[in-house]
Amino acid sequence: MEPVQQRFGYGAQAQSAALFDEGLRKHMLRVYNYMGAGLVITGLIAFFVGSTPALYVPIFSSPLKWVVMLAPLAFVFFFSFKIQTMSASTAQATFWAFCAVMGLSLASVFLVFTGMSIARTFFIAATMFGTTSLYGYVTKRDLSKFGSFLIMGLIGVVIASIVNIFLGSTALQFAISVIGIVVFVGLTAWDTQNIKEQYAENIDQESQQKMAVFGALSLYLNFVNIFQLLLNFTGERE
């Protein structure tokens, strides 16, 4: 018969593991809720601006369009450098502001592509994102070894995209889209596993909240980029 102390130890460990798993599930749900709410904000603003000539004409027919296009990048850099020092409430407010600015940037999508093809592409992107994020969450395989390759691929896609702004090459844009989709799908699984592994039950609520916001930002960016790159293949132009 097992000693009482040994059985009690097993029971305590099982209870602790169950509490940790429950906390992790709540944390991941918080991350996905933030991300989902951010996508709703982005979509509503993009649709509203893209369907209102009084708004999109002065924006996209003037140099202001460059401000709108580059503003999301500025937010990402701000997040990266300030996330450790800002409060959880500030992090949330900055994330919502970022999603709103991204909506302004994506309003041009509704000027170029048909509504039906945008909806179709959204569901394809959602399926790809959901599948790979689920894989990143449940897999026992260590995805960290792919991280450096994915980051290198991301840097390459960004540089090639900037170069192609001036070249306007259709072939280069096709290559960027293919490679970019592969990179951001991989980043989705990698980021999901990172978010899961970074969760710790013993950190304070404030830190957990900031972790959830920053995790939502990472997944949000992956989804938006997958969606935009897929539009090059599935989008029907107006």
Protein backbone atom coordinates (compact mmCIF):
# COMPACT_ATOMS: atom_id res chain seq x y z
CA MET A 1 0.00 0.00 0.00
CA GLU A 2 1.28 3.48 -0.86
CA PRO A 3 2.28 5.70 2.04
CA VAL A 4 -0.26 8.39 2.83
CA GLN A 5 2.36 11.10 2.22
CA GLN A 6 3.12 9.75 -1.26
CA ARG A 7 -0.52 9.60 -2.24
CA PHE A 8 -1.06 13.09 -0.87
CA GLY A 9 1.93 14.33 -2.89
CA TYR A 10 0.52 12.87 -6.10
CA GLY A 11 -2.85 14.45 -5.37
CA ALA A 12 -1.32 17.86 -4.71
CA GLN A 13 0.71 17.67 -7.92
CA ALA A 14 -2.38 16.69 -9.94
CA GLN A 15 -4.37 19.54 -8.43
CA SER A 16 -1.57 22.00 -9.13
CA ALA A 17 -1.32 20.80 -12.75
CA ALA A 18 -5.09 21.13 -13.17
CA LEU A 19 -5.02 24.70 -11.83
CA PHE A 20 -2.13 25.57 -14.15
CA ASP A 21 -3.95 24.13 -17.18
CA GLU A 22 -7.10 26.07 -16.30
CA GLY A 23 -5.10 29.27 -15.95
CA LEU A 24 -3.38 28.63 -19.27
CA ARG A 25 -6.71 28.07 -21.04
CA LYS A 26 -8.04 31.35 -19.65
CA HIS A 27 -4.87 33.13 -20.73
CA MET A 28 -5.04 31.79 -24.29
CA LEU A 29 -8.74 32.64 -24.47
CA ARG A 30 -7.91 36.19 -23.38
CA VAL A 31 -5.28 36.42 -26.13
CA TYR A 32 -7.70 35.23 -28.83
CA ASN A 33 -10.45 37.51 -27.52
CA TYR A 34 -8.17 40.54 -27.78
CA MET A 35 -7.11 39.50 -31.25
CA GLY A 36 -10.69 38.89 -32.40
CA ALA A 37 -11.91 42.20 -31.02
CA GLY A 38 -8.99 43.95 -32.73
CA LEU A 39 -9.91 42.38 -36.07
CA VAL A 40 -13.51 43.53 -35.65
CA ILE A 41 -12.36 47.11 -35.01
CA THR A 42 -10.04 46.98 -38.01
CA GLY A 43 -12.69 45.51 -40.30
CA LEU A 44 -15.41 47.98 -39.33
CA ILE A 45 -13.15 51.01 -39.77
CA ALA A 46 -11.72 49.70 -43.06
CA PHE A 47 -15.22 49.08 -44.44
CA PHE A 48 -16.58 52.42 -43.25
CA VAL A 49 -13.68 54.46 -44.65
CA GLY A 50 -13.52 52.39 -47.85
CA SER A 51 -17.19 53.01 -48.55
CA THR A 52 -17.18 56.74 -47.70
CA PRO A 53 -15.75 58.92 -50.50
CA ALA A 54 -15.59 61.95 -48.19
CA LEU A 55 -13.01 60.03 -46.15
CA TYR A 56 -11.01 57.89 -48.56
CA VAL A 57 -10.59 60.52 -51.30
CA PRO A 58 -8.60 63.02 -49.18
CA ILE A 59 -6.61 60.19 -47.60
CA PHE A 60 -5.60 58.11 -50.61
CA SER A 61 -5.30 60.90 -53.15
CA SER A 62 -2.73 62.86 -51.15
CA PRO A 63 0.60 62.26 -49.38
CA LEU A 64 -1.49 61.50 -46.30
CA LYS A 65 -1.77 57.94 -47.63
CA TRP A 66 1.90 57.33 -46.73
CA VAL A 67 1.24 58.41 -43.16
CA VAL A 68 -1.73 56.04 -42.96
CA MET A 69 0.27 53.18 -44.50
CA LEU A 70 3.34 53.63 -42.27
CA ALA A 71 1.55 54.47 -39.00
CA PRO A 72 0.88 50.78 -38.10
CA LEU A 73 4.60 50.07 -38.38
CA ALA A 74 5.31 52.92 -35.96
CA PHE A 75 2.84 51.40 -33.50
CA VAL A 76 4.56 48.00 -33.72
CA PHE A 77 7.96 49.55 -32.95
CA PHE A 78 6.43 51.53 -30.07
CA PHE A 79 4.92 48.34 -28.65
CA SER A 80 8.18 46.43 -28.95
CA PHE A 81 10.23 49.03 -27.10
CA LYS A 82 7.68 50.14 -24.48
CA ILE A 83 5.72 46.99 -23.59
CA GLN A 84 7.91 46.29 -20.53
CA THR A 85 7.43 49.74 -19.02
CA MET A 86 3.82 50.58 -19.92
CA SER A 87 0.90 49.59 -17.73
CA ALA A 88 -1.63 46.93 -18.77
CA SER A 89 -4.31 49.57 -19.37
CA THR A 90 -1.93 51.59 -21.56
CA ALA A 91 -1.01 48.46 -23.49
CA GLN A 92 -4.68 47.73 -24.15
CA ALA A 93 -5.41 51.31 -25.24
CA THR A 94 -2.38 51.28 -27.55
CA PHE A 95 -3.50 47.98 -29.07
CA TRP A 96 -7.00 49.30 -29.80
CA ALA A 97 -5.52 52.45 -31.32
CA PHE A 98 -3.21 50.32 -33.45
CA CYS A 99 -6.16 48.24 -34.71
CA ALA A 100 -8.03 51.43 -35.61
CA VAL A 101 -5.05 52.82 -37.54
CA MET A 102 -4.65 49.49 -39.30
CA GLY A 103 -8.30 49.79 -40.33
CA LEU A 104 -7.52 53.10 -42.02
CA SER A 105 -4.59 51.48 -43.82
CA LEU A 106 -6.67 48.52 -45.00
CA ALA A 107 -9.52 50.71 -46.26
CA SER A 108 -7.78 50.68 -49.66
CA VAL A 109 -8.61 46.97 -49.93
CA PHE A 110 -12.29 47.86 -50.36
CA LEU A 111 -11.36 50.26 -53.14
CA VAL A 112 -9.44 47.64 -55.12
CA PHE A 113 -11.18 44.29 -54.56
CA THR A 114 -14.81 43.17 -54.68
CA GLY A 115 -16.64 42.58 -51.43
CA MET A 116 -17.30 38.93 -52.29
CA SER A 117 -13.62 38.16 -52.90
CA ILE A 118 -12.64 39.97 -49.69
CA ALA A 119 -15.09 37.85 -47.69
CA ARG A 120 -13.91 34.66 -49.40
CA THR A 121 -10.27 35.48 -48.73
CA PHE A 122 -11.04 36.31 -45.10
CA PHE A 123 -12.53 32.87 -44.48
CA ILE A 124 -9.63 31.15 -46.24
CA ALA A 125 -7.16 33.14 -44.13
CA ALA A 126 -9.16 32.37 -40.96
CA THR A 127 -9.05 28.64 -41.76
CA MET A 128 -5.30 28.68 -42.39
CA PHE A 129 -4.65 30.75 -39.27
CA GLY A 130 -6.90 28.67 -37.03
CA THR A 131 -5.39 25.37 -38.19
CA THR A 132 -1.78 26.44 -37.73
CA SER A 133 -2.43 28.21 -34.41
CA LEU A 134 -4.11 25.06 -33.09
CA TYR A 135 -1.11 23.05 -34.23
CA GLY A 136 1.23 25.42 -32.42
CA TYR A 137 -0.82 25.03 -29.26
CA VAL A 138 -1.13 21.23 -29.15
CA THR A 139 2.13 20.06 -30.74
CA LYS A 140 4.85 18.62 -28.51
CA ARG A 141 7.46 19.47 -31.12
CA ASP A 142 9.81 22.31 -30.25
CA LEU A 143 9.24 25.00 -32.88
CA SER A 144 11.86 27.38 -31.51
CA LYS A 145 14.52 25.98 -33.86
CA PHE A 146 12.50 27.34 -36.79
CA GLY A 147 12.28 30.81 -35.26
CA SER A 148 15.52 32.20 -36.71
CA PHE A 149 14.62 31.00 -40.21
CA LEU A 150 11.15 32.51 -39.97
CA ILE A 151 12.51 35.86 -38.77
CA MET A 152 15.05 35.86 -41.61
CA GLY A 153 12.23 35.09 -44.04
CA LEU A 154 10.15 37.91 -42.57
CA ILE A 155 13.01 40.40 -42.97
CA GLY A 156 13.48 39.24 -46.56
CA VAL A 157 9.78 39.69 -47.34
CA VAL A 158 9.76 43.20 -45.84
CA ILE A 159 12.86 44.28 -47.79
CA ALA A 160 11.57 42.78 -51.05
CA SER A 161 8.19 44.47 -50.55
CA ILE A 162 9.83 47.87 -50.08
CA VAL A 163 11.99 47.35 -53.18
CA ASN A 164 8.98 46.30 -55.21
CA ILE A 165 7.17 49.54 -54.35
CA PHE A 166 9.62 51.21 -56.72
CA LEU A 167 10.03 48.34 -59.22
CA GLY A 168 6.38 47.35 -59.57
CA SER A 169 7.36 43.85 -60.70
CA THR A 170 4.46 41.39 -61.00
CA ALA A 171 6.80 38.39 -60.83
CA LEU A 172 8.49 39.70 -57.68
CA GLN A 173 5.11 40.41 -56.10
CA PHE A 174 4.03 36.83 -56.82
CA ALA A 175 7.19 35.48 -55.17
CA ILE A 176 6.72 37.79 -52.18
CA SER A 177 3.14 36.59 -51.75
CA VAL A 178 4.05 32.88 -51.87
CA ILE A 179 7.02 33.18 -49.53
CA GLY A 180 5.16 35.60 -47.27
CA ILE A 181 2.22 33.24 -46.77
CA VAL A 182 4.59 30.40 -45.85
CA VAL A 183 6.48 32.66 -43.42
CA PHE A 184 3.40 34.04 -41.66
CA VAL A 185 1.74 30.63 -41.42
CA GLY A 186 4.92 29.36 -39.78
CA LEU A 187 5.06 32.39 -37.48
CA THR A 188 1.47 31.72 -36.40
CA ALA A 189 2.37 28.27 -35.08
CA TRP A 190 5.64 29.53 -33.58
CA ASP A 191 4.04 32.54 -31.87
CA THR A 192 1.20 30.42 -30.48
CA GLN A 193 3.67 28.01 -28.91
CA ASN A 194 5.68 30.93 -27.50
CA ILE A 195 2.56 32.51 -25.97
CA LYS A 196 1.69 29.18 -24.38
CA GLU A 197 5.19 28.57 -23.02
CA GLN A 198 5.63 32.10 -21.68
CA TYR A 199 2.56 31.79 -19.49
CA ALA A 200 3.44 31.42 -15.84
CA GLU A 201 0.88 31.05 -13.07
CA ASN A 202 3.05 32.80 -10.48
CA ILE A 203 3.43 36.15 -12.29
CA ASP A 204 1.21 39.04 -11.25
CA GLN A 205 -2.08 39.87 -12.97
CA GLU A 206 -0.70 43.07 -14.49
CA SER A 207 2.09 41.18 -16.25
CA GLN A 208 -0.29 38.47 -17.47
CA GLN A 209 -2.54 41.13 -18.93
CA LYS A 210 0.35 42.73 -20.83
CA MET A 211 1.49 39.30 -22.05
CA ALA A 212 -2.01 38.66 -23.37
CA VAL A 213 -2.09 41.98 -25.25
CA PHE A 214 1.35 41.49 -26.77
CA GLY A 215 0.47 37.91 -27.72
CA ALA A 216 -2.72 39.14 -29.38
CA LEU A 217 -0.68 41.70 -31.32
CA SER A 218 1.66 38.99 -32.65
CA LEU A 219 -1.19 36.76 -33.80
CA TYR A 220 -3.15 39.72 -35.17
CA LEU A 221 -0.21 40.75 -37.37
CA ASN A 222 0.19 37.20 -38.66
CA PHE A 223 -3.48 36.97 -39.59
CA VAL A 224 -3.63 40.36 -41.29
CA ASN A 225 -0.53 39.60 -43.35
CA ILE A 226 -1.84 36.18 -44.39
CA PHE A 227 -5.10 37.85 -45.44
CA GLN A 228 -3.39 40.59 -47.45
CA LEU A 229 -1.02 38.21 -49.22
CA LEU A 230 -3.83 35.79 -50.07
CA LEU A 231 -5.75 38.64 -51.69
CA ASN A 232 -3.09 38.70 -54.41
CA PHE A 233 -4.26 35.22 -55.43
CA THR A 234 -7.96 35.08 -54.60
CA GLY A 235 -8.99 38.74 -54.80
CA GLU A 236 -11.13 39.90 -57.73
CA ARG A 237 -10.46 43.52 -58.62
CA GLU A 238 -13.22 46.08 -59.01
